[in-house]
Each structure stands twice: as structure tokens, then as C-alpha cells.
């Protein structure tokens, strides 16, 4: 194992990530799920069954790379842009 820090670059930084995440959140809320818990389950496991099919939410979230999703969440949380 080397002692070098690996640099990770996200290729696409798109505002569409926020729109998709918002649509998925709303679909989960409408169907009566706890959106935060369900989205966390998806992020941790990358299992799309955590996301409802309602309004195409599952196919929407599958369009996002999990790394892009985590980047959007972290930059938003930290207020960095």
C-alpha cells in the first residue's frame, strides 16, 4: 500500500443532480416513506429498491452517479459552491 493521497475528480457537476434529488425526495414523501432514511439507504447500499417507482423516481436516481450525489449533498451541507 502506498502512502500517497489519491485525488478524486468528479467529471460532471450539474445542477440536474439537485433537481433529481428533489424529485425523488418528493416522490418518497408522497408515498408515505421517510425520504431521508430511504435516500441514505440507497446511497449506502446502492440498492435502487430503497427508492419508489412512483413518478419514475427510481429511474431518475439511477441516472446519478453515487459519487456525484454525495458531492452535491456534501457541498450543499457545507455551503460550498
PDB file of N, CA and C in Angstrom:
ATOM      1  N   UNK A   1       0.842  -1.175   0.000  1.00  0.00           N
ATOM      2  CA  UNK A   1       0.000   0.000   0.000  1.00  0.00           C
ATOM      3  C   UNK A   1       0.891   1.243   0.000  1.00  0.00           C
ATOM      4  N   UNK A   2       0.597   2.173  -0.875  1.00  0.00           N
ATOM      5  CA  UNK A   2       1.403   3.383  -0.930  1.00  0.00           C
ATOM      6  C   UNK A   2       0.890   4.427   0.064  1.00  0.00           C
ATOM      7  N   UNK A   3       1.718   5.411   0.318  1.00  0.00           N
ATOM      8  CA  UNK A   3       1.376   6.470   1.268  1.00  0.00           C
ATOM      9  C   UNK A   3       0.886   7.733   0.576  1.00  0.00           C
ATOM     10  N   UNK A   4       0.584   7.636  -0.693  1.00  0.00           N
ATOM     11  CA  UNK A   4       0.152   8.811  -1.435  1.00  0.00           C
ATOM     12  C   UNK A   4      -1.361   8.989  -1.326  1.00  0.00           C
ATOM     13  N   UNK A   5      -1.775  10.235  -1.295  1.00  0.00           N
ATOM     14  CA  UNK A   5      -3.202  10.547  -1.287  1.00  0.00           C
ATOM     15  C   UNK A   5      -3.696  10.526  -2.722  1.00  0.00           C
ATOM     16  N   UNK A   6      -4.758   9.813  -2.938  1.00  0.00           N
ATOM     17  CA  UNK A   6      -5.340   9.752  -4.271  1.00  0.00           C
ATOM     18  C   UNK A   6      -6.318  10.900  -4.441  1.00  0.00           C
ATOM     19  N   UNK A   7      -6.284  11.508  -5.582  1.00  0.00           N
ATOM     20  CA  UNK A   7      -7.182  12.627  -5.866  1.00  0.00           C
ATOM     21  C   UNK A   7      -8.372  12.108  -6.644  1.00  0.00           C
ATOM     22  N   UNK A   8      -9.562  12.493  -6.190  1.00  0.00           N
ATOM     23  CA  UNK A   8     -10.795  12.069  -6.838  1.00  0.00           C
ATOM     24  C   UNK A   8     -11.423  13.265  -7.519  1.00  0.00           C
ATOM     25  N   UNK A   9     -11.687  13.152  -8.809  1.00  0.00           N
ATOM     26  CA  UNK A   9     -12.322  14.228  -9.559  1.00  0.00           C
ATOM     27  C   UNK A   9     -13.669  13.769 -10.082  1.00  0.00           C
ATOM     28  N   UNK A  10     -14.681  14.565  -9.849  1.00  0.00           N
ATOM     29  CA  UNK A  10     -15.993  14.294 -10.417  1.00  0.00           C
ATOM     30  C   UNK A  10     -16.038  14.982 -11.764  1.00  0.00           C
ATOM     31  N   UNK A  11     -16.363  14.228 -12.790  1.00  0.00           N
ATOM     32  CA  UNK A  11     -16.333  14.748 -14.151  1.00  0.00           C
ATOM     33  C   UNK A  11     -17.444  15.757 -14.399  1.00  0.00           C
ATOM     34  N   UNK A  12     -18.652  15.433 -14.002  1.00  0.00           N
ATOM     35  CA  UNK A  12     -19.792  16.291 -14.293  1.00  0.00           C
ATOM     36  C   UNK A  12     -20.366  16.877 -13.007  1.00  0.00           C
ATOM     37  N   UNK A  13     -20.419  18.203 -12.958  1.00  0.00           N
ATOM     38  CA  UNK A  13     -21.010  18.875 -11.812  1.00  0.00           C
ATOM     39  C   UNK A  13     -22.221  19.620 -12.365  1.00  0.00           C
ATOM     40  N   UNK A  14     -23.388  19.072 -12.160  1.00  0.00           N
ATOM     41  CA  UNK A  14     -24.568  19.552 -12.855  1.00  0.00           C
ATOM     42  C   UNK A  14     -25.668  19.892 -11.863  1.00  0.00           C
ATOM     43  N   UNK A  15     -26.382  20.971 -12.109  1.00  0.00           N
ATOM     44  CA  UNK A  15     -27.499  21.343 -11.239  1.00  0.00           C
ATOM     45  C   UNK A  15     -28.643  20.341 -11.356  1.00  0.00           C
ATOM     46  N   UNK A  16     -28.591  19.489 -12.373  1.00  0.00           N
ATOM     47  CA  UNK A  16     -29.610  18.462 -12.554  1.00  0.00           C
ATOM     48  C   UNK A  16     -29.620  17.494 -11.369  1.00  0.00           C
ATOM     49  N   UNK A  17     -28.492  17.335 -10.709  1.00  0.00           N
ATOM     50  CA  UNK A  17     -28.417  16.459  -9.540  1.00  0.00           C
ATOM     51  C   UNK A  17     -29.394  16.920  -8.471  1.00  0.00           C
ATOM     52  N   UNK A  18     -29.411  18.211  -8.211  1.00  0.00           N
ATOM     53  CA  UNK A  18     -30.313  18.758  -7.197  1.00  0.00           C
ATOM     54  C   UNK A  18     -31.769  18.563  -7.607  1.00  0.00           C
ATOM     55  N   UNK A  19     -32.065  18.776  -8.861  1.00  0.00           N
ATOM     56  CA  UNK A  19     -33.435  18.610  -9.357  1.00  0.00           C
ATOM     57  C   UNK A  19     -33.889  17.155  -9.224  1.00  0.00           C
ATOM     58  N   UNK A  20     -33.028  16.226  -9.577  1.00  0.00           N
ATOM     59  CA  UNK A  20     -33.366  14.806  -9.477  1.00  0.00           C
ATOM     60  C   UNK A  20     -33.564  14.416  -8.022  1.00  0.00           C
ATOM     61  N   UNK A  21     -32.662  14.848  -7.160  1.00  0.00           N
ATOM     62  CA  UNK A  21     -32.766  14.521  -5.743  1.00  0.00           C
ATOM     63  C   UNK A  21     -34.048  15.098  -5.143  1.00  0.00           C
ATOM     64  N   UNK A  22     -34.411  16.287  -5.536  1.00  0.00           N
ATOM     65  CA  UNK A  22     -35.654  16.904  -5.057  1.00  0.00           C
ATOM     66  C   UNK A  22     -36.882  16.131  -5.527  1.00  0.00           C
ATOM     67  N   UNK A  23     -36.870  15.695  -6.780  1.00  0.00           N
ATOM     68  CA  UNK A  23     -37.995  14.925  -7.317  1.00  0.00           C
ATOM     69  C   UNK A  23     -38.117  13.577  -6.623  1.00  0.00           C
ATOM     70  N   UNK A  24     -36.999  12.931  -6.352  1.00  0.00           N
ATOM     71  CA  UNK A  24     -37.002  11.644  -5.652  1.00  0.00           C
ATOM     72  C   UNK A  24     -37.501  11.829  -4.226  1.00  0.00           C
ATOM     73  N   UNK A  25     -37.029  12.862  -3.570  1.00  0.00           N
ATOM     74  CA  UNK A  25     -37.474  13.174  -2.206  1.00  0.00           C
ATOM     75  C   UNK A  25     -38.992  13.353  -2.166  1.00  0.00           C
ATOM     76  N   UNK A  26     -39.511  14.120  -3.098  1.00  0.00           N
ATOM     77  CA  UNK A  26     -40.951  14.388  -3.131  1.00  0.00           C
ATOM     78  C   UNK A  26     -41.756  13.117  -3.410  1.00  0.00           C
ATOM     79  N   UNK A  27     -41.282  12.284  -4.325  1.00  0.00           N
ATOM     80  CA  UNK A  27     -41.982  11.028  -4.621  1.00  0.00           C
ATOM     81  C   UNK A  27     -42.028  10.130  -3.385  1.00  0.00           C
ATOM     82  N   UNK A  28     -40.934  10.049  -2.670  1.00  0.00           N
ATOM     83  CA  UNK A  28     -40.897   9.241  -1.450  1.00  0.00           C
ATOM     84  C   UNK A  28     -41.845   9.803  -0.391  1.00  0.00           C
ATOM     85  N   UNK A  29     -41.856  11.121  -0.248  1.00  0.00           N
ATOM     86  CA  UNK A  29     -42.726  11.771   0.731  1.00  0.00           C
ATOM     87  C   UNK A  29     -44.193  11.516   0.412  1.00  0.00           C
ATOM     88  N   UNK A  30     -44.567  11.671  -0.842  1.00  0.00           N
ATOM     89  CA  UNK A  30     -45.948  11.465  -1.268  1.00  0.00           C
ATOM     90  C   UNK A  30     -46.400  10.032  -1.001  1.00  0.00           C
ATOM     91  N   UNK A  31     -45.508   9.073  -1.198  1.00  0.00           N
ATOM     92  CA  UNK A  31     -45.863   7.666  -0.992  1.00  0.00           C
ATOM     93  C   UNK A  31     -45.813   7.252   0.479  1.00  0.00           C
ATOM     94  N   UNK A  32     -45.464   8.180   1.372  1.00  0.00           N
ATOM     95  CA  UNK A  32     -45.511   7.899   2.804  1.00  0.00           C
ATOM     96  C   UNK A  32     -44.231   7.351   3.408  1.00  0.00           C
ATOM     97  N   UNK A  33     -43.148   7.388   2.663  1.00  0.00           N
ATOM     98  CA  UNK A  33     -41.860   6.926   3.184  1.00  0.00           C
ATOM     99  C   UNK A  33     -41.134   8.074   3.884  1.00  0.00           C
ATOM    100  N   UNK A  34     -40.155   7.747   4.693  1.00  0.00           N
ATOM    101  CA  UNK A  34     -39.246   8.749   5.256  1.00  0.00           C
ATOM    102  C   UNK A  34     -38.154   8.974   4.202  1.00  0.00           C
ATOM    103  N   UNK A  35     -38.238  10.072   3.446  1.00  0.00           N
ATOM    104  CA  UNK A  35     -37.322  10.268   2.321  1.00  0.00           C
ATOM    105  C   UNK A  35     -35.848  10.245   2.710  1.00  0.00           C
ATOM    106  N   UNK A  36     -35.519  10.842   3.839  1.00  0.00           N
ATOM    107  CA  UNK A  36     -34.119  10.894   4.247  1.00  0.00           C
ATOM    108  C   UNK A  36     -33.579   9.475   4.479  1.00  0.00           C
ATOM    109  N   UNK A  37     -34.319   8.670   5.234  1.00  0.00           N
ATOM    110  CA  UNK A  37     -33.877   7.299   5.515  1.00  0.00           C
ATOM    111  C   UNK A  37     -33.762   6.478   4.240  1.00  0.00           C
ATOM    112  N   UNK A  38     -34.717   6.634   3.343  1.00  0.00           N
ATOM    113  CA  UNK A  38     -34.709   5.860   2.102  1.00  0.00           C
ATOM    114  C   UNK A  38     -33.538   6.264   1.208  1.00  0.00           C
ATOM    115  N   UNK A  39     -33.276   7.560   1.105  1.00  0.00           N
ATOM    116  CA  UNK A  39     -32.174   8.033   0.261  1.00  0.00           C
ATOM    117  C   UNK A  39     -30.845   7.608   0.858  1.00  0.00           C
ATOM    118  N   UNK A  40     -30.714   7.672   2.184  1.00  0.00           N
ATOM    119  CA  UNK A  40     -29.489   7.205   2.834  1.00  0.00           C
ATOM    120  C   UNK A  40     -29.295   5.714   2.565  1.00  0.00           C
ATOM    121  N   UNK A  41     -30.366   4.935   2.671  1.00  0.00           N
ATOM    122  CA  UNK A  41     -30.280   3.509   2.367  1.00  0.00           C
ATOM    123  C   UNK A  41     -29.786   3.266   0.964  1.00  0.00           C
ATOM    124  N   UNK A  42     -30.286   4.050   0.016  1.00  0.00           N
ATOM    125  CA  UNK A  42     -29.839   3.917  -1.370  1.00  0.00           C
ATOM    126  C   UNK A  42     -28.363   4.279  -1.511  1.00  0.00           C
ATOM    127  N   UNK A  43     -27.955   5.390  -0.905  1.00  0.00           N
ATOM    128  CA  UNK A  43     -26.566   5.834  -1.028  1.00  0.00           C
ATOM    129  C   UNK A  43     -25.609   4.806  -0.438  1.00  0.00           C
ATOM    130  N   UNK A  44     -25.946   4.305   0.735  1.00  0.00           N
ATOM    131  CA  UNK A  44     -25.060   3.351   1.415  1.00  0.00           C
ATOM    132  C   UNK A  44     -24.974   2.025   0.659  1.00  0.00           C
ATOM    133  N   UNK A  45     -26.104   1.533   0.184  1.00  0.00           N
ATOM    134  CA  UNK A  45     -26.134   0.207  -0.434  1.00  0.00           C
ATOM    135  C   UNK A  45     -26.099   0.224  -1.958  1.00  0.00           C
ATOM    136  N   UNK A  46     -26.458   1.344  -2.555  1.00  0.00           N
ATOM    137  CA  UNK A  46     -26.651   1.486  -3.999  1.00  0.00           C
ATOM    138  C   UNK A  46     -27.713   0.508  -4.512  1.00  0.00           C
ATOM    139  N   UNK A  47     -28.628   0.142  -3.631  1.00  0.00           N
ATOM    140  CA  UNK A  47     -29.744  -0.738  -3.979  1.00  0.00           C
ATOM    141  C   UNK A  47     -30.934   0.142  -4.349  1.00  0.00           C
ATOM    142  N   UNK A  48     -31.343   0.157  -5.617  1.00  0.00           N
ATOM    143  CA  UNK A  48     -32.408   1.052  -6.059  1.00  0.00           C
ATOM    144  C   UNK A  48     -33.781   0.737  -5.466  1.00  0.00           C
ATOM    145  N   UNK A  49     -33.942  -0.419  -4.839  1.00  0.00           N
ATOM    146  CA  UNK A  49     -35.253  -0.741  -4.263  1.00  0.00           C
ATOM    147  C   UNK A  49     -35.578   0.108  -3.039  1.00  0.00           C
ATOM    148  N   UNK A  50     -34.613   0.880  -2.542  1.00  0.00           N
ATOM    149  CA  UNK A  50     -34.902   1.843  -1.480  1.00  0.00           C
ATOM    150  C   UNK A  50     -35.738   3.011  -2.008  1.00  0.00           C
ATOM    151  N   UNK A  51     -35.771   3.172  -3.318  1.00  0.00           N
ATOM    152  CA  UNK A  51     -36.464   4.295  -3.948  1.00  0.00           C
ATOM    153  C   UNK A  51     -37.713   3.781  -4.655  1.00  0.00           C
ATOM    154  N   UNK A  52     -38.814   4.470  -4.431  1.00  0.00           N
ATOM    155  CA  UNK A  52     -40.086   4.094  -5.049  1.00  0.00           C
ATOM    156  C   UNK A  52     -40.047   4.282  -6.567  1.00  0.00           C
ATOM    157  N   UNK A  53     -40.871   3.516  -7.262  1.00  0.00           N
ATOM    158  CA  UNK A  53     -41.037   3.703  -8.704  1.00  0.00           C
ATOM    159  C   UNK A  53     -41.981   4.861  -9.023  1.00  0.00           C
ATOM    160  N   UNK A  54     -42.713   5.338  -8.021  1.00  0.00           N
ATOM    161  CA  UNK A  54     -43.698   6.400  -8.209  1.00  0.00           C
ATOM    162  C   UNK A  54     -43.064   7.602  -8.917  1.00  0.00           C
ATOM    163  N   UNK A  55     -43.740   8.079  -9.944  1.00  0.00           N
ATOM    164  CA  UNK A  55     -43.287   9.214 -10.768  1.00  0.00           C
ATOM    165  C   UNK A  55     -41.890   9.017 -11.363  1.00  0.00           C
ATOM    166  N   UNK A  56     -41.489   7.776 -11.547  1.00  0.00           N
ATOM    167  CA  UNK A  56     -40.193   7.488 -12.161  1.00  0.00           C
ATOM    168  C   UNK A  56     -39.002   7.813 -11.276  1.00  0.00           C
ATOM    169  N   UNK A  57     -39.229   7.899  -9.956  1.00  0.00           N
ATOM    170  CA  UNK A  57     -38.159   8.300  -9.037  1.00  0.00           C
ATOM    171  C   UNK A  57     -36.974   7.334  -9.075  1.00  0.00           C
ATOM    172  N   UNK A  58     -37.247   6.051  -9.160  1.00  0.00           N
ATOM    173  CA  UNK A  58     -36.154   5.066  -9.163  1.00  0.00           C
ATOM    174  C   UNK A  58     -35.279   5.227 -10.404  1.00  0.00           C
ATOM    175  N   UNK A  59     -35.894   5.398 -11.545  1.00  0.00           N
ATOM    176  CA  UNK A  59     -35.086   5.564 -12.759  1.00  0.00           C
ATOM    177  C   UNK A  59     -34.346   6.898 -12.745  1.00  0.00           C
ATOM    178  N   UNK A  60     -34.945   7.903 -12.118  1.00  0.00           N
ATOM    179  CA  UNK A  60     -34.261   9.198 -12.011  1.00  0.00           C
ATOM    180  C   UNK A  60     -32.986   9.081 -11.188  1.00  0.00           C
ATOM    181  N   UNK A  61     -33.096   8.484 -10.001  1.00  0.00           N
ATOM    182  CA  UNK A  61     -31.918   8.414  -9.130  1.00  0.00           C
ATOM    183  C   UNK A  61     -30.842   7.519  -9.716  1.00  0.00           C
ATOM    184  N   UNK A  62     -31.244   6.547 -10.521  1.00  0.00           N
ATOM    185  CA  UNK A  62     -30.251   5.672 -11.153  1.00  0.00           C
ATOM    186  C   UNK A  62     -29.464   6.398 -12.239  1.00  0.00           C
ATOM    187  N   UNK A  63     -29.934   7.552 -12.669  1.00  0.00           N
ATOM    188  CA  UNK A  63     -29.189   8.363 -13.643  1.00  0.00           C
ATOM    189  C   UNK A  63     -27.978   9.027 -13.006  1.00  0.00           C
ATOM    190  N   UNK A  64     -28.025   9.177 -11.698  1.00  0.00           N
ATOM    191  CA  UNK A  64     -26.949   9.861 -10.996  1.00  0.00           C
ATOM    192  C   UNK A  64     -25.864   8.888 -10.578  1.00  0.00           C
ATOM    193  N   UNK A  65     -24.654   9.314 -10.730  1.00  0.00           N
ATOM    194  CA  UNK A  65     -23.532   8.577 -10.186  1.00  0.00           C
ATOM    195  C   UNK A  65     -23.536   8.818  -8.676  1.00  0.00           C
ATOM    196  N   UNK A  66     -23.337   7.793  -7.913  1.00  0.00           N
ATOM    197  CA  UNK A  66     -23.399   7.926  -6.458  1.00  0.00           C
ATOM    198  C   UNK A  66     -22.366   8.931  -5.951  1.00  0.00           C
ATOM    199  N   UNK A  67     -21.218   9.008  -6.577  1.00  0.00           N
ATOM    200  CA  UNK A  67     -20.197   9.980  -6.180  1.00  0.00           C
ATOM    201  C   UNK A  67     -20.676  11.412  -6.417  1.00  0.00           C
ATOM    202  N   UNK A  68     -21.366  11.639  -7.535  1.00  0.00           N
ATOM    203  CA  UNK A  68     -21.919  12.961  -7.816  1.00  0.00           C
ATOM    204  C   UNK A  68     -22.973  13.337  -6.783  1.00  0.00           C
ATOM    205  N   UNK A  69     -23.791  12.380  -6.425  1.00  0.00           N
ATOM    206  CA  UNK A  69     -24.828  12.609  -5.434  1.00  0.00           C
ATOM    207  C   UNK A  69     -24.215  12.977  -4.086  1.00  0.00           C
ATOM    208  N   UNK A  70     -23.205  12.238  -3.666  1.00  0.00           N
ATOM    209  CA  UNK A  70     -22.534  12.540  -2.408  1.00  0.00           C
ATOM    210  C   UNK A  70     -21.850  13.902  -2.454  1.00  0.00           C
ATOM    211  N   UNK A  71     -21.267  14.244  -3.587  1.00  0.00           N
ATOM    212  CA  UNK A  71     -20.628  15.549  -3.723  1.00  0.00           C
ATOM    213  C   UNK A  71     -21.653  16.665  -3.583  1.00  0.00           C
ATOM    214  N   UNK A  72     -22.795  16.527  -4.237  1.00  0.00           N
ATOM    215  CA  UNK A  72     -23.850  17.535  -4.154  1.00  0.00           C
ATOM    216  C   UNK A  72     -24.330  17.697  -2.717  1.00  0.00           C
ATOM    217  N   UNK A  73     -24.548  16.591  -2.034  1.00  0.00           N
ATOM    218  CA  UNK A  73     -25.015  16.644  -0.653  1.00  0.00           C
ATOM    219  C   UNK A  73     -23.986  17.307   0.255  1.00  0.00           C
ATOM    220  N   UNK A  74     -22.733  16.937   0.107  1.00  0.00           N
ATOM    221  CA  UNK A  74     -21.691  17.481   0.970  1.00  0.00           C
ATOM    222  C   UNK A  74     -21.456  18.970   0.718  1.00  0.00           C
ATOM    223  N   UNK A  75     -21.388  19.371  -0.544  1.00  0.00           N
ATOM    224  CA  UNK A  75     -21.177  20.788  -0.826  1.00  0.00           C
ATOM    225  C   UNK A  75     -22.362  21.631  -0.377  1.00  0.00           C
ATOM    226  N   UNK A  76     -23.551  21.093  -0.508  1.00  0.00           N
ATOM    227  CA  UNK A  76     -24.726  21.798  -0.039  1.00  0.00           C
ATOM    228  C   UNK A  76     -24.713  21.930   1.481  1.00  0.00           C
ATOM    229  N   UNK A  77     -24.392  20.846   2.158  1.00  0.00           N
ATOM    230  CA  UNK A  77     -24.349  20.847   3.625  1.00  0.00           C
ATOM    231  C   UNK A  77     -23.313  21.828   4.150  1.00  0.00           C
ATOM    232  N   UNK A  78     -22.155  21.862   3.509  1.00  0.00           N
ATOM    233  CA  UNK A  78     -21.083  22.746   3.941  1.00  0.00           C
ATOM    234  C   UNK A  78     -21.221  24.164   3.395  1.00  0.00           C
ATOM    235  N   UNK A  79     -22.158  24.365   2.497  1.00  0.00           N
ATOM    236  CA  UNK A  79     -22.369  25.700   1.914  1.00  0.00           C
ATOM    237  C   UNK A  79     -21.252  26.123   0.970  1.00  0.00           C
ATOM    238  N   UNK A  80     -20.671  25.155   0.292  1.00  0.00           N
ATOM    239  CA  UNK A  80     -19.569  25.411  -0.629  1.00  0.00           C
ATOM    240  C   UNK A  80     -20.078  25.279  -2.062  1.00  0.00           C
ATOM    241  N   UNK A  81     -19.749  26.193  -2.880  1.00  0.00           N
ATOM    242  CA  UNK A  81     -20.081  26.104  -4.318  1.00  0.00           C
ATOM    243  C   UNK A  81     -19.060  26.786  -5.144  1.00  0.00           C
TER     244      UNK A  81
END
